[in-house]
Amino acid sequence: MSLADRIETYRRYVSEWLRGLYHGMISHPAYELIEKEAEDVEDEFMLACFPDVFGVPNPISYYTAELLPYLTDEFEAWERRMWDRESLIERKGQQYHF
């Protein structure tokens, strides 16, 4: 096996690996579902930390208020998303094609 053949074999191997990486990270249909699920988990965390935004009493709001400086950017986007989005049942139903 000559050096040119080994280089060509290596190039094909790397090309196939990069194609699979791109497909798995960006173009695969499950990427959108994973992104939605991550957004739902973030929404649940923010709701657990700041339920008083929606009128639900929070007995530990003194302690969760200390997180606000670290979550300011996410908080504004989260609040807007929570007020504007469709019901949770509709969103979860999209995943199961109801």
PDB file of N, CA and C in Angstrom:
ATOM      1  N   MET A   1       0.853  -1.172   0.000  1.00  0.00           N
ATOM      2  CA  MET A   1       0.000   0.000   0.000  1.00  0.00           C
ATOM      3  C   MET A   1       0.899   1.235   0.000  1.00  0.00           C
ATOM      4  N   SER A   2       0.721   2.059  -1.005  1.00  0.00           N
ATOM      5  CA  SER A   2       1.561   3.243  -1.128  1.00  0.00           C
ATOM      6  C   SER A   2       1.051   4.357  -0.218  1.00  0.00           C
ATOM      7  N   LEU A   3       1.863   5.374  -0.095  1.00  0.00           N
ATOM      8  CA  LEU A   3       1.508   6.512   0.745  1.00  0.00           C
ATOM      9  C   LEU A   3       0.264   7.217   0.212  1.00  0.00           C
ATOM     10  N   ALA A   4       0.141   7.330  -1.095  1.00  0.00           N
ATOM     11  CA  ALA A   4      -1.028   7.983  -1.694  1.00  0.00           C
ATOM     12  C   ALA A   4      -2.314   7.214  -1.386  1.00  0.00           C
ATOM     13  N   ASP A   5      -2.232   5.880  -1.425  1.00  0.00           N
ATOM     14  CA  ASP A   5      -3.413   5.068  -1.094  1.00  0.00           C
ATOM     15  C   ASP A   5      -3.800   5.228   0.370  1.00  0.00           C
ATOM     16  N   ARG A   6      -2.809   5.266   1.252  1.00  0.00           N
ATOM     17  CA  ARG A   6      -3.102   5.439   2.681  1.00  0.00           C
ATOM     18  C   ARG A   6      -3.710   6.809   2.954  1.00  0.00           C
ATOM     19  N   ILE A   7      -3.201   7.835   2.287  1.00  0.00           N
ATOM     20  CA  ILE A   7      -3.755   9.185   2.457  1.00  0.00           C
ATOM     21  C   ILE A   7      -5.192   9.228   1.954  1.00  0.00           C
ATOM     22  N   GLU A   8      -5.457   8.604   0.810  1.00  0.00           N
ATOM     23  CA  GLU A   8      -6.808   8.570   0.254  1.00  0.00           C
ATOM     24  C   GLU A   8      -7.753   7.813   1.176  1.00  0.00           C
ATOM     25  N   THR A   9      -7.309   6.708   1.753  1.00  0.00           N
ATOM     26  CA  THR A   9      -8.134   5.947   2.690  1.00  0.00           C
ATOM     27  C   THR A   9      -8.448   6.782   3.926  1.00  0.00           C
ATOM     28  N   TYR A  10      -7.443   7.458   4.441  1.00  0.00           N
ATOM     29  CA  TYR A  10      -7.638   8.316   5.614  1.00  0.00           C
ATOM     30  C   TYR A  10      -8.592   9.463   5.292  1.00  0.00           C
ATOM     31  N   ARG A  11      -8.430  10.076   4.119  1.00  0.00           N
ATOM     32  CA  ARG A  11      -9.297  11.186   3.718  1.00  0.00           C
ATOM     33  C   ARG A  11     -10.754  10.723   3.618  1.00  0.00           C
ATOM     34  N   ARG A  12     -10.997   9.539   3.027  1.00  0.00           N
ATOM     35  CA  ARG A  12     -12.357   9.007   2.934  1.00  0.00           C
ATOM     36  C   ARG A  12     -12.933   8.727   4.314  1.00  0.00           C
ATOM     37  N   TYR A  13     -12.119   8.183   5.209  1.00  0.00           N
ATOM     38  CA  TYR A  13     -12.566   7.886   6.570  1.00  0.00           C
ATOM     39  C   TYR A  13     -12.965   9.171   7.307  1.00  0.00           C
ATOM     40  N   VAL A  14     -12.125  10.208   7.210  1.00  0.00           N
ATOM     41  CA  VAL A  14     -12.423  11.480   7.872  1.00  0.00           C
ATOM     42  C   VAL A  14     -13.649  12.131   7.249  1.00  0.00           C
ATOM     43  N   SER A  15     -13.769  12.060   5.937  1.00  0.00           N
ATOM     44  CA  SER A  15     -14.931  12.635   5.253  1.00  0.00           C
ATOM     45  C   SER A  15     -16.223  11.953   5.701  1.00  0.00           C
ATOM     46  N   GLU A  16     -16.202  10.633   5.792  1.00  0.00           N
ATOM     47  CA  GLU A  16     -17.387   9.895   6.248  1.00  0.00           C
ATOM     48  C   GLU A  16     -17.722  10.231   7.698  1.00  0.00           C
ATOM     49  N   TRP A  17     -16.699  10.358   8.524  1.00  0.00           N
ATOM     50  CA  TRP A  17     -16.907  10.687   9.931  1.00  0.00           C
ATOM     51  C   TRP A  17     -17.512  12.089  10.084  1.00  0.00           C
ATOM     52  N   LEU A  18     -16.992  13.056   9.332  1.00  0.00           N
ATOM     53  CA  LEU A  18     -17.524  14.420   9.403  1.00  0.00           C
ATOM     54  C   LEU A  18     -18.953  14.495   8.874  1.00  0.00           C
ATOM     55  N   ARG A  19     -19.259  13.739   7.826  1.00  0.00           N
ATOM     56  CA  ARG A  19     -20.616  13.700   7.298  1.00  0.00           C
ATOM     57  C   ARG A  19     -21.580  13.148   8.353  1.00  0.00           C
ATOM     58  N   GLY A  20     -21.176  12.097   9.045  1.00  0.00           N
ATOM     59  CA  GLY A  20     -22.008  11.534  10.104  1.00  0.00           C
ATOM     60  C   GLY A  20     -22.169  12.486  11.278  1.00  0.00           C
ATOM     61  N   LEU A  21     -21.105  13.199  11.625  1.00  0.00           N
ATOM     62  CA  LEU A  21     -21.180  14.185  12.707  1.00  0.00           C
ATOM     63  C   LEU A  21     -22.150  15.302  12.355  1.00  0.00           C
ATOM     64  N   TYR A  22     -22.058  15.817  11.133  1.00  0.00           N
ATOM     65  CA  TYR A  22     -22.966  16.874  10.690  1.00  0.00           C
ATOM     66  C   TYR A  22     -24.416  16.388  10.709  1.00  0.00           C
ATOM     67  N   HIS A  23     -24.638  15.198  10.219  1.00  0.00           N
ATOM     68  CA  HIS A  23     -25.994  14.648  10.184  1.00  0.00           C
ATOM     69  C   HIS A  23     -26.541  14.476  11.594  1.00  0.00           C
ATOM     70  N   GLY A  24     -25.727  13.985  12.500  1.00  0.00           N
ATOM     71  CA  GLY A  24     -26.186  13.758  13.862  1.00  0.00           C
ATOM     72  C   GLY A  24     -26.415  15.027  14.646  1.00  0.00           C
ATOM     73  N   MET A  25     -25.638  16.064  14.386  1.00  0.00           N
ATOM     74  CA  MET A  25     -25.748  17.286  15.176  1.00  0.00           C
ATOM     75  C   MET A  25     -26.719  18.305  14.598  1.00  0.00           C
ATOM     76  N   ILE A  26     -26.853  18.354  13.298  1.00  0.00           N
ATOM     77  CA  ILE A  26     -27.595  19.458  12.690  1.00  0.00           C
ATOM     78  C   ILE A  26     -28.758  19.003  11.832  1.00  0.00           C
ATOM     79  N   SER A  27     -28.547  18.085  10.939  1.00  0.00           N
ATOM     80  CA  SER A  27     -29.579  17.802   9.952  1.00  0.00           C
ATOM     81  C   SER A  27     -30.525  16.678  10.342  1.00  0.00           C
ATOM     82  N   HIS A  28     -30.256  15.958  11.397  1.00  0.00           N
ATOM     83  CA  HIS A  28     -31.128  14.850  11.795  1.00  0.00           C
ATOM     84  C   HIS A  28     -32.461  15.385  12.311  1.00  0.00           C
ATOM     85  N   PRO A  29     -33.571  14.761  11.978  1.00  0.00           N
ATOM     86  CA  PRO A  29     -34.882  15.255  12.417  1.00  0.00           C
ATOM     87  C   PRO A  29     -35.048  15.264  13.935  1.00  0.00           C
ATOM     88  N   ALA A  30     -34.336  14.414  14.644  1.00  0.00           N
ATOM     89  CA  ALA A  30     -34.461  14.374  16.099  1.00  0.00           C
ATOM     90  C   ALA A  30     -33.849  15.607  16.746  1.00  0.00           C
ATOM     91  N   TYR A  31     -33.009  16.339  16.026  1.00  0.00           N
ATOM     92  CA  TYR A  31     -32.376  17.541  16.571  1.00  0.00           C
ATOM     93  C   TYR A  31     -33.432  18.533  17.040  1.00  0.00           C
ATOM     94  N   GLU A  32     -34.470  18.719  16.240  1.00  0.00           N
ATOM     95  CA  GLU A  32     -35.540  19.660  16.602  1.00  0.00           C
ATOM     96  C   GLU A  32     -36.280  19.189  17.854  1.00  0.00           C
ATOM     97  N   LEU A  33     -36.524  17.896  17.954  1.00  0.00           N
ATOM     98  CA  LEU A  33     -37.199  17.364  19.141  1.00  0.00           C
ATOM     99  C   LEU A  33     -36.343  17.516  20.384  1.00  0.00           C
ATOM    100  N   ILE A  34     -35.068  17.284  20.256  1.00  0.00           N
ATOM    101  CA  ILE A  34     -34.163  17.441  21.391  1.00  0.00           C
ATOM    102  C   ILE A  34     -34.103  18.895  21.817  1.00  0.00           C
ATOM    103  N   GLU A  35     -34.108  19.793  20.853  1.00  0.00           N
ATOM    104  CA  GLU A  35     -34.091  21.220  21.161  1.00  0.00           C
ATOM    105  C   GLU A  35     -35.362  21.636  21.901  1.00  0.00           C
ATOM    106  N   LYS A  36     -36.523  21.147  21.469  1.00  0.00           N
ATOM    107  CA  LYS A  36     -37.777  21.450  22.154  1.00  0.00           C
ATOM    108  C   LYS A  36     -37.788  20.893  23.568  1.00  0.00           C
ATOM    109  N   GLU A  37     -37.276  19.685  23.742  1.00  0.00           N
ATOM    110  CA  GLU A  37     -37.249  19.069  25.071  1.00  0.00           C
ATOM    111  C   GLU A  37     -36.319  19.845  26.002  1.00  0.00           C
ATOM    112  N   ALA A  38     -35.180  20.299  25.497  1.00  0.00           N
ATOM    113  CA  ALA A  38     -34.268  21.104  26.309  1.00  0.00           C
ATOM    114  C   ALA A  38     -34.926  22.421  26.704  1.00  0.00           C
ATOM    115  N   GLU A  39     -35.683  23.013  25.784  1.00  0.00           N
ATOM    116  CA  GLU A  39     -36.407  24.247  26.104  1.00  0.00           C
ATOM    117  C   GLU A  39     -37.471  23.997  27.164  1.00  0.00           C
ATOM    118  N   ASP A  40     -38.154  22.854  27.094  1.00  0.00           N
ATOM    119  CA  ASP A  40     -39.153  22.515  28.107  1.00  0.00           C
ATOM    120  C   ASP A  40     -38.522  22.330  29.477  1.00  0.00           C
ATOM    121  N   VAL A  41     -37.366  21.689  29.533  1.00  0.00           N
ATOM    122  CA  VAL A  41     -36.675  21.491  30.811  1.00  0.00           C
ATOM    123  C   VAL A  41     -36.241  22.834  31.384  1.00  0.00           C
ATOM    124  N   GLU A  42     -35.745  23.730  30.528  1.00  0.00           N
ATOM    125  CA  GLU A  42     -35.365  25.065  30.986  1.00  0.00           C
ATOM    126  C   GLU A  42     -36.584  25.826  31.503  1.00  0.00           C
ATOM    127  N   ASP A  43     -37.716  25.692  30.804  1.00  0.00           N
ATOM    128  CA  ASP A  43     -38.940  26.350  31.257  1.00  0.00           C
ATOM    129  C   ASP A  43     -39.389  25.829  32.619  1.00  0.00           C
ATOM    130  N   GLU A  44     -39.283  24.530  32.817  1.00  0.00           N
ATOM    131  CA  GLU A  44     -39.672  23.951  34.104  1.00  0.00           C
ATOM    132  C   GLU A  44     -38.769  24.438  35.226  1.00  0.00           C
ATOM    133  N   PHE A  45     -37.479  24.550  34.955  1.00  0.00           N
ATOM    134  CA  PHE A  45     -36.554  25.059  35.966  1.00  0.00           C
ATOM    135  C   PHE A  45     -36.878  26.500  36.328  1.00  0.00           C
ATOM    136  N   MET A  46     -37.103  27.316  35.315  1.00  0.00           N
ATOM    137  CA  MET A  46     -37.409  28.727  35.575  1.00  0.00           C
ATOM    138  C   MET A  46     -38.736  28.863  36.315  1.00  0.00           C
ATOM    139  N   LEU A  47     -39.716  28.041  35.977  1.00  0.00           N
ATOM    140  CA  LEU A  47     -41.003  28.096  36.661  1.00  0.00           C
ATOM    141  C   LEU A  47     -40.860  27.652  38.111  1.00  0.00           C
ATOM    142  N   ALA A  48     -39.999  26.688  38.372  1.00  0.00           N
ATOM    143  CA  ALA A  48     -39.768  26.250  39.749  1.00  0.00           C
ATOM    144  C   ALA A  48     -39.062  27.334  40.564  1.00  0.00           C
ATOM    145  N   CYS A  49     -38.215  28.118  39.906  1.00  0.00           N
ATOM    146  CA  CYS A  49     -37.485  29.178  40.610  1.00  0.00           C
ATOM    147  C   CYS A  49     -38.318  30.448  40.784  1.00  0.00           C
ATOM    148  N   PHE A  50     -39.136  30.787  39.808  1.00  0.00           N
ATOM    149  CA  PHE A  50     -39.862  32.061  39.828  1.00  0.00           C
ATOM    150  C   PHE A  50     -41.354  31.881  39.561  1.00  0.00           C
ATOM    151  N   PRO A  51     -42.069  31.105  40.373  1.00  0.00           N
ATOM    152  CA  PRO A  51     -43.506  30.937  40.119  1.00  0.00           C
ATOM    153  C   PRO A  51     -44.322  32.178  40.456  1.00  0.00           C
ATOM    154  N   ASP A  52     -43.774  33.076  41.276  1.00  0.00           N
ATOM    155  CA  ASP A  52     -44.532  34.268  41.641  1.00  0.00           C
ATOM    156  C   ASP A  52     -44.749  35.207  40.463  1.00  0.00           C
ATOM    157  N   VAL A  53     -44.042  35.009  39.356  1.00  0.00           N
ATOM    158  CA  VAL A  53     -44.278  35.797  38.148  1.00  0.00           C
ATOM    159  C   VAL A  53     -45.687  35.547  37.624  1.00  0.00           C
ATOM    160  N   PHE A  54     -46.189  34.329  37.828  1.00  0.00           N
ATOM    161  CA  PHE A  54     -47.517  33.959  37.345  1.00  0.00           C
ATOM    162  C   PHE A  54     -48.551  33.907  38.465  1.00  0.00           C
ATOM    163  N   GLY A  55     -48.208  34.438  39.637  1.00  0.00           N
ATOM    164  CA  GLY A  55     -49.171  34.511  40.720  1.00  0.00           C
ATOM    165  C   GLY A  55     -49.209  33.296  41.621  1.00  0.00           C
ATOM    166  N   VAL A  56     -48.287  32.385  41.464  1.00  0.00           N
ATOM    167  CA  VAL A  56     -48.219  31.206  42.327  1.00  0.00           C
ATOM    168  C   VAL A  56     -47.288  31.552  43.483  1.00  0.00           C
ATOM    169  N   PRO A  57     -47.753  31.419  44.735  1.00  0.00           N
ATOM    170  CA  PRO A  57     -46.888  31.786  45.857  1.00  0.00           C
ATOM    171  C   PRO A  57     -45.655  30.880  45.946  1.00  0.00           C
ATOM    172  N   ASN A  58     -44.548  31.479  46.280  1.00  0.00           N
ATOM    173  CA  ASN A  58     -43.290  30.756  46.382  1.00  0.00           C
ATOM    174  C   ASN A  58     -42.726  30.962  47.782  1.00  0.00           C
ATOM    175  N   PRO A  59     -42.710  29.935  48.612  1.00  0.00           N
ATOM    176  CA  PRO A  59     -42.225  30.107  49.971  1.00  0.00           C
ATOM    177  C   PRO A  59     -40.723  30.367  50.064  1.00  0.00           C
ATOM    178  N   ILE A  60     -39.979  30.059  49.040  1.00  0.00           N
ATOM    179  CA  ILE A  60     -38.533  30.280  49.086  1.00  0.00           C
ATOM    180  C   ILE A  60     -38.103  31.362  48.097  1.00  0.00           C
ATOM    181  N   SER A  61     -38.963  32.321  47.822  1.00  0.00           N
ATOM    182  CA  SER A  61     -38.644  33.345  46.828  1.00  0.00           C
ATOM    183  C   SER A  61     -37.442  34.192  47.243  1.00  0.00           C
ATOM    184  N   TYR A  62     -37.207  34.296  48.544  1.00  0.00           N
ATOM    185  CA  TYR A  62     -36.040  35.051  49.005  1.00  0.00           C
ATOM    186  C   TYR A  62     -34.757  34.420  48.468  1.00  0.00           C
ATOM    187  N   TYR A  63     -34.694  33.099  48.471  1.00  0.00           N
ATOM    188  CA  TYR A  63     -33.485  32.402  48.031  1.00  0.00           C
ATOM    189  C   TYR A  63     -33.395  32.331  46.504  1.00  0.00           C
ATOM    190  N   THR A  64     -34.517  32.140  45.848  1.00  0.00           N
ATOM    191  CA  THR A  64     -34.467  32.080  44.385  1.00  0.00           C
ATOM    192  C   THR A  64     -34.226  33.449  43.769  1.00  0.00           C
ATOM    193  N   ALA A  65     -34.544  34.516  44.504  1.00  0.00           N
ATOM    194  CA  ALA A  65     -34.266  35.863  43.993  1.00  0.00           C
ATOM    195  C   ALA A  65     -32.772  36.096  43.854  1.00  0.00           C
ATOM    196  N   GLU A  66     -31.981  35.354  44.608  1.00  0.00           N
ATOM    197  CA  GLU A  66     -30.529  35.480  44.492  1.00  0.00           C
ATOM    198  C   GLU A  66     -30.015  34.946  43.152  1.00  0.00           C
ATOM    199  N   LEU A  67     -30.799  34.108  42.486  1.00  0.00           N
ATOM    200  CA  LEU A  67     -30.406  33.585  41.170  1.00  0.00           C
ATOM    201  C   LEU A  67     -30.689  34.572  40.046  1.00  0.00           C
ATOM    202  N   LEU A  68     -31.532  35.551  40.305  1.00  0.00           N
ATOM    203  CA  LEU A  68     -31.979  36.460  39.250  1.00  0.00           C
ATOM    204  C   LEU A  68     -30.834  37.169  38.526  1.00  0.00           C
ATOM    205  N   PRO A  69     -29.798  37.667  39.210  1.00  0.00           N
ATOM    206  CA  PRO A  69     -28.712  38.321  38.448  1.00  0.00           C
ATOM    207  C   PRO A  69     -28.030  37.378  37.453  1.00  0.00           C
ATOM    208  N   TYR A  70     -28.007  36.081  37.763  1.00  0.00           N
ATOM    209  CA  TYR A  70     -27.353  35.131  36.869  1.00  0.00           C
ATOM    210  C   TYR A  70     -28.265  34.690  35.729  1.00  0.00           C
ATOM    211  N   LEU A  71     -29.561  34.857  35.909  1.00  0.00           N
ATOM    212  CA  LEU A  71     -30.527  34.368  34.924  1.00  0.00           C
ATOM    213  C   LEU A  71     -31.295  35.497  34.237  1.00  0.00           C
ATOM    214  N   THR A  72     -30.808  36.715  34.322  1.00  0.00           N
ATOM    215  CA  THR A  72     -31.541  37.868  33.783  1.00  0.00           C
ATOM    216  C   THR A  72     -31.834  37.735  32.294  1.00  0.00           C
ATOM    217  N   ASP A  73     -30.832  37.378  31.502  1.00  0.00           N
ATOM    218  CA  ASP A  73     -31.040  37.265  30.053  1.00  0.00           C
ATOM    219  C   ASP A  73     -32.047  36.174  29.729  1.00  0.00           C
ATOM    220  N   GLU A  74     -31.916  35.010  30.384  1.00  0.00           N
ATOM    221  CA  GLU A  74     -32.839  33.916  30.135  1.00  0.00           C
ATOM    222  C   GLU A  74     -34.226  34.226  30.679  1.00  0.00           C
ATOM    223  N   PHE A  75     -34.296  35.010  31.776  1.00  0.00           N
ATOM    224  CA  PHE A  75     -35.578  35.290  32.422  1.00  0.00           C
ATOM    225  C   PHE A  75     -36.517  36.063  31.497  1.00  0.00           C
ATOM    226  N   GLU A  76     -36.003  37.084  30.839  1.00  0.00           N
ATOM    227  CA  GLU A  76     -36.842  37.890  29.953  1.00  0.00           C
ATOM    228  C   GLU A  76     -37.368  37.063  28.784  1.00  0.00           C
ATOM    229  N   ALA A  77     -36.497  36.284  28.183  1.00  0.00           N
ATOM    230  CA  ALA A  77     -36.915  35.438  27.060  1.00  0.00           C
ATOM    231  C   ALA A  77     -37.896  34.375  27.528  1.00  0.00           C
ATOM    232  N   TRP A  78     -37.652  33.806  28.706  1.00  0.00           N
ATOM    233  CA  TRP A  78     -38.545  32.779  29.251  1.00  0.00           C
ATOM    234  C   TRP A  78     -39.932  33.354  29.532  1.00  0.00           C
ATOM    235  N   GLU A  79     -39.982  34.526  30.166  1.00  0.00           N
ATOM    236  CA  GLU A  79     -41.276  35.130  30.491  1.00  0.00           C
ATOM    237  C   GLU A  79     -42.077  35.416  29.224  1.00  0.00           C
ATOM    238  N   ARG A  80     -41.431  35.955  28.208  1.00  0.00           N
ATOM    239  CA  ARG A  80     -42.100  36.244  26.946  1.00  0.00           C
ATOM    240  C   ARG A  80     -42.592  34.946  26.287  1.00  0.00           C
ATOM    241  N   ARG A  81     -41.761  33.931  26.322  1.00  0.00           N
ATOM    242  CA  ARG A  81     -42.117  32.647  25.722  1.00  0.00           C
ATOM    243  C   ARG A  81     -43.287  32.002  26.461  1.00  0.00           C
ATOM    244  N   MET A  82     -43.313  32.103  27.769  1.00  0.00           N
ATOM    245  CA  MET A  82     -44.391  31.487  28.551  1.00  0.00           C
ATOM    246  C   MET A  82     -45.728  32.185  28.304  1.00  0.00           C
ATOM    247  N   TRP A  83     -45.715  33.495  28.146  1.00  0.00           N
ATOM    248  CA  TRP A  83     -46.969  34.208  27.910  1.00  0.00           C
ATOM    249  C   TRP A  83     -47.462  34.040  26.485  1.00  0.00           C
ATOM    250  N   ASP A  84     -46.557  33.850  25.533  1.00  0.00           N
ATOM    251  CA  ASP A  84     -46.948  33.836  24.128  1.00  0.00           C
ATOM    252  C   ASP A  84     -47.200  32.446  23.553  1.00  0.00           C
ATOM    253  N   ARG A  85     -46.729  31.419  24.196  1.00  0.00           N
ATOM    254  CA  ARG A  85     -46.808  30.118  23.534  1.00  0.00           C
ATOM    255  C   ARG A  85     -48.146  29.433  23.757  1.00  0.00           C
ATOM    256  N   GLU A  86     -48.388  28.431  22.900  1.00  0.00           N
ATOM    257  CA  GLU A  86     -49.633  27.680  22.965  1.00  0.00           C
ATOM    258  C   GLU A  86     -49.657  26.851  24.250  1.00  0.00           C
ATOM    259  N   SER A  87     -50.737  26.179  24.473  1.00  0.00           N
ATOM    260  CA  SER A  87     -50.856  25.405  25.710  1.00  0.00           C
ATOM    261  C   SER A  87     -49.837  24.276  25.736  1.00  0.00           C
ATOM    262  N   LEU A  88     -49.524  23.820  26.923  1.00  0.00           N
ATOM    263  CA  LEU A  88     -48.541  22.757  27.092  1.00  0.00           C
ATOM    264  C   LEU A  88     -49.022  21.457  26.454  1.00  0.00           C
ATOM    265  N   ILE A  89     -50.336  21.227  26.504  1.00  0.00           N
ATOM    266  CA  ILE A  89     -50.888  20.008  25.906  1.00  0.00           C
ATOM    267  C   ILE A  89     -50.682  20.024  24.391  1.00  0.00           C
ATOM    268  N   GLU A  90     -50.883  21.174  23.767  1.00  0.00           N
ATOM    269  CA  GLU A  90     -50.648  21.280  22.319  1.00  0.00           C
ATOM    270  C   GLU A  90     -49.187  21.016  21.985  1.00  0.00           C
ATOM    271  N   ARG A  91     -48.310  21.597  22.777  1.00  0.00           N
ATOM    272  CA  ARG A  91     -46.875  21.454  22.503  1.00  0.00           C
ATOM    273  C   ARG A  91     -46.426  20.004  22.662  1.00  0.00           C
ATOM    274  N   LYS A  92     -46.863  19.354  23.723  1.00  0.00           N
ATOM    275  CA  LYS A  92     -46.497  17.953  23.922  1.00  0.00           C
ATOM    276  C   LYS A  92     -47.189  17.064  22.883  1.00  0.00           C
ATOM    277  N   GLY A  93     -48.399  17.434  22.460  1.00  0.00           N
ATOM    278  CA  GLY A  93     -49.114  16.667  21.448  1.00  0.00           C
ATOM    279  C   GLY A  93     -48.420  16.675  20.107  1.00  0.00           C
ATOM    280  N   GLN A  94     -47.686  17.746  19.808  1.00  0.00           N
ATOM    281  CA  GLN A  94     -46.938  17.816  18.552  1.00  0.00           C
ATOM    282  C   GLN A  94     -45.866  16.734  18.483  1.00  0.00           C
ATOM    283  N   GLN A  95     -45.301  16.395  19.630  1.00  0.00           N
ATOM    284  CA  GLN A  95     -44.250  15.372  19.643  1.00  0.00           C
ATOM    285  C   GLN A  95     -44.802  14.002  19.306  1.00  0.00           C
ATOM    286  N   TYR A  96     -46.071  13.765  19.661  1.00  0.00           N
ATOM    287  CA  TYR A  96     -46.680  12.451  19.447  1.00  0.00           C
ATOM    288  C   TYR A  96     -47.698  12.461  18.305  1.00  0.00           C
ATOM    289  N   HIS A  97     -47.760  13.557  17.555  1.00  0.00           N
ATOM    290  CA  HIS A  97     -48.618  13.697  16.361  1.00  0.00           C
ATOM    291  C   HIS A  97     -50.094  13.495  16.686  1.00  0.00           C
ATOM    292  N   PHE A  98     -50.567  14.122  17.752  1.00  0.00           N
ATOM    293  CA  PHE A  98     -51.996  14.070  18.082  1.00  0.00           C
ATOM    294  C   PHE A  98     -52.742  15.079  17.251  1.00  0.00           C
TER     295      PHE A  98
END
